[in-house]
Structures are given as C-alpha cells and as structure tokens.
Amino acid sequence: MKVNGQEYTKNYITYSTLQNGGTIDYVMGDKPNKNRGIAPEDAPYSFSRE
C-alpha cells in the first residue's frame, strides 16, 4: 500500500491526509500479507496505552 506515493504500513489513514487530497494505491492478491501493519507504530494512537 502506498499513500501519496510513499510506502505505508500503518493500519489507518487520517482524515487530514484524505482531506488534503491524499492518494491511496494498493495491490491485492489472493494471499494476505501477515507482516504488514504489525509493528507497534503501525497501530493508531490509543488512550488505553497510557
């Protein structure tokens, strides 16, 4: 997945990215990529982590 032409590993896209005319490019296959979006920094901010 790419957002604005850059590789993107997060599991979410911010509203401001879309509001500012962001582009999303993705390629889907017949097998899931189980390594994408698993790093702690790929998860959205959560108050429950404080």
PDB file of N, CA and C in Angstrom:
ATOM      1  N   MET A   1       0.846  -1.174   0.000  1.00  0.00           N
ATOM      2  CA  MET A   1       0.000   0.000   0.000  1.00  0.00           C
ATOM      3  C   MET A   1       0.890   1.235   0.000  1.00  0.00           C
ATOM      4  N   LYS A   2       0.474   2.216  -0.766  1.00  0.00           N
ATOM      5  CA  LYS A   2       1.182   3.490  -0.804  1.00  0.00           C
ATOM      6  C   LYS A   2       0.180   4.615  -0.559  1.00  0.00           C
ATOM      7  N   VAL A   3       0.601   5.599   0.193  1.00  0.00           N
ATOM      8  CA  VAL A   3      -0.188   6.811   0.419  1.00  0.00           C
ATOM      9  C   VAL A   3       0.668   7.978  -0.065  1.00  0.00           C
ATOM     10  N   ASN A   4       0.130   8.740  -0.971  1.00  0.00           N
ATOM     11  CA  ASN A   4       0.840   9.863  -1.590  1.00  0.00           C
ATOM     12  C   ASN A   4       2.179   9.417  -2.177  1.00  0.00           C
ATOM     13  N   GLY A   5       2.204   8.223  -2.766  1.00  0.00           N
ATOM     14  CA  GLY A   5       3.394   7.721  -3.428  1.00  0.00           C
ATOM     15  C   GLY A   5       4.441   7.098  -2.529  1.00  0.00           C
ATOM     16  N   GLN A   6       4.215   7.086  -1.217  1.00  0.00           N
ATOM     17  CA  GLN A   6       5.173   6.536  -0.264  1.00  0.00           C
ATOM     18  C   GLN A   6       4.635   5.243   0.338  1.00  0.00           C
ATOM     19  N   GLU A   7       5.533   4.266   0.575  1.00  0.00           N
ATOM     20  CA  GLU A   7       5.120   3.030   1.241  1.00  0.00           C
ATOM     21  C   GLU A   7       4.444   3.388   2.558  1.00  0.00           C
ATOM     22  N   TYR A   8       3.377   2.664   2.888  1.00  0.00           N
ATOM     23  CA  TYR A   8       2.579   2.977   4.077  1.00  0.00           C
ATOM     24  C   TYR A   8       2.239   1.675   4.779  1.00  0.00           C
ATOM     25  N   THR A   9       2.647   1.545   6.040  1.00  0.00           N
ATOM     26  CA  THR A   9       2.434   0.296   6.771  1.00  0.00           C
ATOM     27  C   THR A   9       1.405   0.415   7.883  1.00  0.00           C
ATOM     28  N   LYS A  10       0.962   1.623   8.167  1.00  0.00           N
ATOM     29  CA  LYS A  10       0.007   1.802   9.260  1.00  0.00           C
ATOM     30  C   LYS A  10      -1.332   1.130   8.945  1.00  0.00           C
ATOM     31  N   ASN A  11      -2.105   0.882   9.987  1.00  0.00           N
ATOM     32  CA  ASN A  11      -3.408   0.230   9.833  1.00  0.00           C
ATOM     33  C   ASN A  11      -4.553   1.235   9.767  1.00  0.00           C
ATOM     34  N   TYR A  12      -4.241   2.477   9.528  1.00  0.00           N
ATOM     35  CA  TYR A  12      -5.267   3.515   9.452  1.00  0.00           C
ATOM     36  C   TYR A  12      -4.766   4.637   8.545  1.00  0.00           C
ATOM     37  N   ILE A  13      -5.680   5.464   8.087  1.00  0.00           N
ATOM     38  CA  ILE A  13      -5.355   6.667   7.323  1.00  0.00           C
ATOM     39  C   ILE A  13      -6.078   7.809   8.009  1.00  0.00           C
ATOM     40  N   THR A  14      -5.382   8.896   8.250  1.00  0.00           N
ATOM     41  CA  THR A  14      -6.005  10.020   8.944  1.00  0.00           C
ATOM     42  C   THR A  14      -6.940  10.792   8.016  1.00  0.00           C
ATOM     43  N   TYR A  15      -7.919  11.391   8.619  1.00  0.00           N
ATOM     44  CA  TYR A  15      -8.870  12.214   7.874  1.00  0.00           C
ATOM     45  C   TYR A  15      -8.140  13.370   7.202  1.00  0.00           C
ATOM     46  N   SER A  16      -7.161  13.967   7.894  1.00  0.00           N
ATOM     47  CA  SER A  16      -6.453  15.110   7.313  1.00  0.00           C
ATOM     48  C   SER A  16      -5.675  14.706   6.060  1.00  0.00           C
ATOM     49  N   THR A  17      -5.163  13.484   6.003  1.00  0.00           N
ATOM     50  CA  THR A  17      -4.482  13.012   4.796  1.00  0.00           C
ATOM     51  C   THR A  17      -5.447  12.997   3.624  1.00  0.00           C
ATOM     52  N   LEU A  18      -6.632  12.484   3.844  1.00  0.00           N
ATOM     53  CA  LEU A  18      -7.636  12.435   2.785  1.00  0.00           C
ATOM     54  C   LEU A  18      -8.179  13.820   2.453  1.00  0.00           C
ATOM     55  N   GLN A  19      -8.391  14.630   3.475  1.00  0.00           N
ATOM     56  CA  GLN A  19      -8.936  15.965   3.278  1.00  0.00           C
ATOM     57  C   GLN A  19      -7.988  16.830   2.448  1.00  0.00           C
ATOM     58  N   ASN A  20      -6.692  16.596   2.571  1.00  0.00           N
ATOM     59  CA  ASN A  20      -5.706  17.374   1.828  1.00  0.00           C
ATOM     60  C   ASN A  20      -5.423  16.798   0.445  1.00  0.00           C
ATOM     61  N   GLY A  21      -6.288  15.908  -0.034  1.00  0.00           N
ATOM     62  CA  GLY A  21      -6.171  15.383  -1.385  1.00  0.00           C
ATOM     63  C   GLY A  21      -5.221  14.210  -1.505  1.00  0.00           C
ATOM     64  N   GLY A  22      -5.073  13.443  -0.439  1.00  0.00           N
ATOM     65  CA  GLY A  22      -4.183  12.284  -0.459  1.00  0.00           C
ATOM     66  C   GLY A  22      -4.631  11.240  -1.469  1.00  0.00           C
ATOM     67  N   THR A  23      -3.660  10.479  -1.964  1.00  0.00           N
ATOM     68  CA  THR A  23      -3.968   9.383  -2.868  1.00  0.00           C
ATOM     69  C   THR A  23      -3.586   8.064  -2.201  1.00  0.00           C
ATOM     70  N   ILE A  24      -4.358   7.042  -2.467  1.00  0.00           N
ATOM     71  CA  ILE A  24      -4.115   5.717  -1.915  1.00  0.00           C
ATOM     72  C   ILE A  24      -3.985   4.746  -3.071  1.00  0.00           C
ATOM     73  N   ASP A  25      -2.863   4.027  -3.103  1.00  0.00           N
ATOM     74  CA  ASP A  25      -2.633   2.996  -4.113  1.00  0.00           C
ATOM     75  C   ASP A  25      -2.421   1.684  -3.386  1.00  0.00           C
ATOM     76  N   TYR A  26      -3.154   0.662  -3.792  1.00  0.00           N
ATOM     77  CA  TYR A  26      -2.966  -0.636  -3.160  1.00  0.00           C
ATOM     78  C   TYR A  26      -3.107  -1.735  -4.193  1.00  0.00           C
ATOM     79  N   VAL A  27      -2.448  -2.825  -3.891  1.00  0.00           N
ATOM     80  CA  VAL A  27      -2.497  -4.011  -4.743  1.00  0.00           C
ATOM     81  C   VAL A  27      -2.946  -5.161  -3.865  1.00  0.00           C
ATOM     82  N   MET A  28      -3.959  -5.870  -4.313  1.00  0.00           N
ATOM     83  CA  MET A  28      -4.465  -7.000  -3.552  1.00  0.00           C
ATOM     84  C   MET A  28      -4.129  -8.292  -4.284  1.00  0.00           C
ATOM     85  N   GLY A  29      -3.837  -9.321  -3.506  1.00  0.00           N
ATOM     86  CA  GLY A  29      -3.554 -10.624  -4.067  1.00  0.00           C
ATOM     87  C   GLY A  29      -4.464 -11.667  -3.449  1.00  0.00           C
ATOM     88  N   ASP A  30      -4.176 -12.919  -3.733  1.00  0.00           N
ATOM     89  CA  ASP A  30      -5.026 -13.987  -3.207  1.00  0.00           C
ATOM     90  C   ASP A  30      -4.547 -14.503  -1.842  1.00  0.00           C
ATOM     91  N   LYS A  31      -3.447 -13.943  -1.319  1.00  0.00           N
ATOM     92  CA  LYS A  31      -2.935 -14.334  -0.005  1.00  0.00           C
ATOM     93  C   LYS A  31      -2.706 -13.092   0.841  1.00  0.00           C
ATOM     94  N   PRO A  32      -3.059 -13.136   2.123  1.00  0.00           N
ATOM     95  CA  PRO A  32      -2.855 -11.963   2.974  1.00  0.00           C
ATOM     96  C   PRO A  32      -1.374 -11.737   3.277  1.00  0.00           C
ATOM     97  N   ASN A  33      -1.007 -10.484   3.451  1.00  0.00           N
ATOM     98  CA  ASN A  33       0.335 -10.135   3.898  1.00  0.00           C
ATOM     99  C   ASN A  33       0.283 -10.036   5.418  1.00  0.00           C
ATOM    100  N   LYS A  34       0.738 -11.053   6.101  1.00  0.00           N
ATOM    101  CA  LYS A  34       0.639 -11.099   7.558  1.00  0.00           C
ATOM    102  C   LYS A  34       1.737 -10.309   8.253  1.00  0.00           C
ATOM    103  N   ASN A  35       2.640  -9.699   7.501  1.00  0.00           N
ATOM    104  CA  ASN A  35       3.712  -8.893   8.087  1.00  0.00           C
ATOM    105  C   ASN A  35       3.424  -7.398   8.013  1.00  0.00           C
ATOM    106  N   ARG A  36       2.402  -7.022   7.297  1.00  0.00           N
ATOM    107  CA  ARG A  36       2.071  -5.614   7.143  1.00  0.00           C
ATOM    108  C   ARG A  36       1.262  -5.127   8.339  1.00  0.00           C
ATOM    109  N   GLY A  37       1.660  -3.977   8.878  1.00  0.00           N
ATOM    110  CA  GLY A  37       0.887  -3.343   9.945  1.00  0.00           C
ATOM    111  C   GLY A  37       1.001  -4.011  11.299  1.00  0.00           C
ATOM    112  N   ILE A  38       2.070  -4.765  11.558  1.00  0.00           N
ATOM    113  CA  ILE A  38       2.181  -5.454  12.847  1.00  0.00           C
ATOM    114  C   ILE A  38       3.106  -4.748  13.836  1.00  0.00           C
ATOM    115  N   ALA A  39       3.852  -3.748  13.386  1.00  0.00           N
ATOM    116  CA  ALA A  39       4.746  -3.005  14.281  1.00  0.00           C
ATOM    117  C   ALA A  39       3.908  -2.119  15.208  1.00  0.00           C
ATOM    118  N   PRO A  40       4.360  -1.911  16.433  1.00  0.00           N
ATOM    119  CA  PRO A  40       3.603  -1.067  17.367  1.00  0.00           C
ATOM    120  C   PRO A  40       3.284   0.322  16.805  1.00  0.00           C
ATOM    121  N   GLU A  41       4.214   0.900  16.029  1.00  0.00           N
ATOM    122  CA  GLU A  41       3.973   2.243  15.483  1.00  0.00           C
ATOM    123  C   GLU A  41       2.953   2.250  14.345  1.00  0.00           C
ATOM    124  N   ASP A  42       2.528   1.075  13.883  1.00  0.00           N
ATOM    125  CA  ASP A  42       1.522   0.995  12.831  1.00  0.00           C
ATOM    126  C   ASP A  42       0.095   1.063  13.378  1.00  0.00           C
ATOM    127  N   ALA A  43      -0.068   0.902  14.669  1.00  0.00           N
ATOM    128  CA  ALA A  43      -1.398   0.970  15.282  1.00  0.00           C
ATOM    129  C   ALA A  43      -1.768   2.429  15.552  1.00  0.00           C
ATOM    130  N   PRO A  44      -3.039   2.768  15.509  1.00  0.00           N
ATOM    131  CA  PRO A  44      -3.448   4.144  15.807  1.00  0.00           C
ATOM    132  C   PRO A  44      -3.230   4.468  17.281  1.00  0.00           C
ATOM    133  N   TYR A  45      -3.124   5.768  17.578  1.00  0.00           N
ATOM    134  CA  TYR A  45      -2.987   6.214  18.964  1.00  0.00           C
ATOM    135  C   TYR A  45      -4.171   5.736  19.776  1.00  0.00           C
ATOM    136  N   SER A  46      -3.905   5.358  21.018  1.00  0.00           N
ATOM    137  CA  SER A  46      -4.980   4.918  21.896  1.00  0.00           C
ATOM    138  C   SER A  46      -4.747   5.434  23.311  1.00  0.00           C
ATOM    139  N   PHE A  47      -5.794   5.996  23.907  1.00  0.00           N
ATOM    140  CA  PHE A  47      -5.710   6.428  25.291  1.00  0.00           C
ATOM    141  C   PHE A  47      -5.497   5.246  26.222  1.00  0.00           C
ATOM    142  N   SER A  48      -5.892   4.057  25.814  1.00  0.00           N
ATOM    143  CA  SER A  48      -5.790   2.890  26.671  1.00  0.00           C
ATOM    144  C   SER A  48      -4.343   2.450  26.902  1.00  0.00           C
ATOM    145  N   ARG A  49      -3.403   2.982  26.165  1.00  0.00           N
ATOM    146  CA  ARG A  49      -1.997   2.639  26.354  1.00  0.00           C
ATOM    147  C   ARG A  49      -1.324   3.510  27.413  1.00  0.00           C
ATOM    148  N   GLU A  50      -2.014   4.525  27.887  1.00  0.00           N
ATOM    149  CA  GLU A  50      -1.414   5.435  28.876  1.00  0.00           C
ATOM    150  C   GLU A  50      -1.533   4.895  30.277  1.00  0.00           C
TER     151      GLU A  50
END
